[in-house]
Amino acid sequence: MKVSDCAGLLNAEILVKSDSFDEDLKIACGCDLMSDVMAFSSDESQILITGLVNPQTIRTAEMLDVKVIIFVRGKIPDETMQKLADEKGIGLMTTPLSMFTCCGLLYEAGLRGKEAAL
């Protein structure tokens, strides 16, 4: 699934476009706790779905090579965050949907998460 497909599916507004918008996404992570996001790292092209709007979200995404961050519940990062994401090559989108609904729609469309190693 391409990022542009995700945007359409989630009725999302693109805030920062990156080169990764043409890549095929393989997995998604829906989380507000950045320490849990860090445990999620993957070699595959991934997106982060979150309601956490602060610079740490961008920093965490950069460390894990997250291609796109989707902010839920209509949250919009400030100009400083948008500029930081642009500098780091991370795309940003916002959707009016809840995290639960976003994850469900993406799962239904074929995008999967990464299961924890037990």
Protein backbone atom coordinates (compact mmCIF):
# COMPACT_ATOMS: atom_id res chain seq x y z
CA MET A 1 0.00 0.00 0.00
CA LYS A 2 1.36 3.42 -0.96
CA VAL A 3 1.26 6.43 1.36
CA SER A 4 -1.12 8.21 -1.00
CA ASP A 5 -3.50 5.23 -0.66
CA CYS A 6 -3.33 5.58 3.13
CA ALA A 7 -4.13 9.29 2.89
CA GLY A 8 -7.22 8.62 0.81
CA LEU A 9 -8.38 5.73 2.96
CA LEU A 10 -8.05 7.76 6.17
CA ASN A 11 -9.39 11.03 4.75
CA ALA A 12 -6.04 12.50 5.80
CA GLU A 13 -4.57 15.87 5.00
CA ILE A 14 -0.92 15.84 3.95
CA LEU A 15 1.03 18.36 6.03
CA VAL A 16 4.58 17.48 4.97
CA LYS A 17 5.23 15.46 1.84
CA SER A 18 8.38 13.38 1.60
CA ASP A 19 10.08 11.25 -1.04
CA SER A 20 8.73 8.16 0.72
CA PHE A 21 5.17 8.89 -0.45
CA ASP A 22 5.81 6.67 -3.48
CA GLU A 23 7.12 3.74 -1.44
CA ASP A 24 5.11 0.65 -0.63
CA LEU A 25 4.34 0.50 3.07
CA LYS A 26 4.72 -2.89 4.70
CA ILE A 27 3.84 -2.39 8.36
CA ALA A 28 2.27 0.12 10.72
CA CYS A 29 2.56 0.95 14.40
CA GLY A 30 -0.25 2.66 16.31
CA CYS A 31 1.01 4.01 19.62
CA ASP A 32 1.36 7.10 21.84
CA LEU A 33 4.11 5.74 24.07
CA MET A 34 7.41 6.38 22.29
CA SER A 35 9.28 3.75 24.33
CA ASP A 36 6.88 1.15 22.91
CA VAL A 37 7.43 2.55 19.43
CA MET A 38 11.18 2.09 19.90
CA ALA A 39 10.60 -1.59 20.71
CA PHE A 40 8.74 -1.87 17.40
CA SER A 41 11.68 -1.20 15.07
CA SER A 42 11.66 -2.96 11.71
CA ASP A 43 13.68 -3.13 8.51
CA GLU A 44 10.52 -2.79 6.45
CA SER A 45 8.93 0.43 5.25
CA GLN A 46 6.73 1.59 8.10
CA ILE A 47 4.34 4.28 9.28
CA LEU A 48 3.54 5.53 12.77
CA ILE A 49 -0.03 6.34 13.81
CA THR A 50 -0.16 8.49 16.94
CA GLY A 51 -1.94 11.22 18.82
CA LEU A 52 1.27 12.45 20.42
CA VAL A 53 2.17 15.83 18.95
CA ASN A 54 5.62 16.82 20.18
CA PRO A 55 9.17 16.92 18.76
CA GLN A 56 10.02 13.61 20.44
CA THR A 57 7.66 11.91 18.00
CA ILE A 58 9.76 13.17 15.07
CA ARG A 59 13.02 12.22 16.81
CA THR A 60 11.76 8.70 17.52
CA ALA A 61 10.55 8.30 13.94
CA GLU A 62 13.94 9.41 12.65
CA MET A 63 15.78 6.85 14.81
CA LEU A 64 13.56 4.04 13.52
CA ASP A 65 13.48 5.13 9.88
CA VAL A 66 9.71 5.65 9.98
CA LYS A 67 8.61 7.03 6.61
CA VAL A 68 5.39 8.78 7.61
CA ILE A 69 3.63 9.85 10.79
CA ILE A 70 -0.16 10.02 10.81
CA PHE A 71 -1.62 12.17 13.59
CA VAL A 72 -5.09 11.11 14.69
CA ARG A 73 -8.13 12.99 16.02
CA GLY A 74 -7.38 16.02 13.85
CA LYS A 75 -4.19 16.91 15.69
CA ILE A 76 -1.84 19.17 13.78
CA PRO A 77 1.83 19.57 14.70
CA ASP A 78 3.10 23.12 14.97
CA GLU A 79 5.31 24.77 12.36
CA THR A 80 8.51 23.83 14.22
CA MET A 81 7.60 20.15 14.16
CA GLN A 82 6.61 20.30 10.51
CA LYS A 83 9.92 21.94 9.63
CA LEU A 84 11.85 19.31 11.61
CA ALA A 85 9.99 16.50 9.84
CA ASP A 86 10.72 18.08 6.47
CA GLU A 87 14.43 18.36 7.33
CA LYS A 88 14.49 14.68 8.34
CA GLY A 89 12.55 13.51 5.27
CA ILE A 90 9.58 12.29 7.30
CA GLY A 91 6.11 12.79 5.88
CA LEU A 92 3.31 14.07 8.11
CA MET A 93 -0.44 13.67 7.78
CA THR A 94 -3.43 14.37 9.98
CA THR A 95 -6.78 12.59 10.02
CA PRO A 96 -9.98 13.33 11.92
CA LEU A 97 -10.31 9.61 12.71
CA SER A 98 -9.41 7.93 16.00
CA MET A 99 -6.35 5.72 16.29
CA PHE A 100 -8.57 2.65 16.64
CA THR A 101 -10.44 3.46 13.43
CA CYS A 102 -7.22 4.26 11.52
CA CYS A 103 -5.61 0.99 12.55
CA GLY A 104 -8.75 -0.96 11.67
CA LEU A 105 -9.07 0.60 8.22
CA LEU A 106 -5.39 0.05 7.42
CA TYR A 107 -5.56 -3.55 8.63
CA GLU A 108 -8.67 -4.16 6.56
CA ALA A 109 -6.79 -2.76 3.54
CA GLY A 110 -3.94 -5.25 4.05
CA LEU A 111 -1.38 -3.32 6.11
CA ARG A 112 -0.08 -5.27 9.10
CA GLY A 113 1.76 -4.61 12.33
CA LYS A 114 4.83 -6.30 13.69
CA GLU A 115 4.18 -8.86 16.39
CA ALA A 116 6.28 -8.78 19.54
CA ALA A 117 8.85 -11.53 19.97
CA LEU A 118 7.73 -13.74 22.85
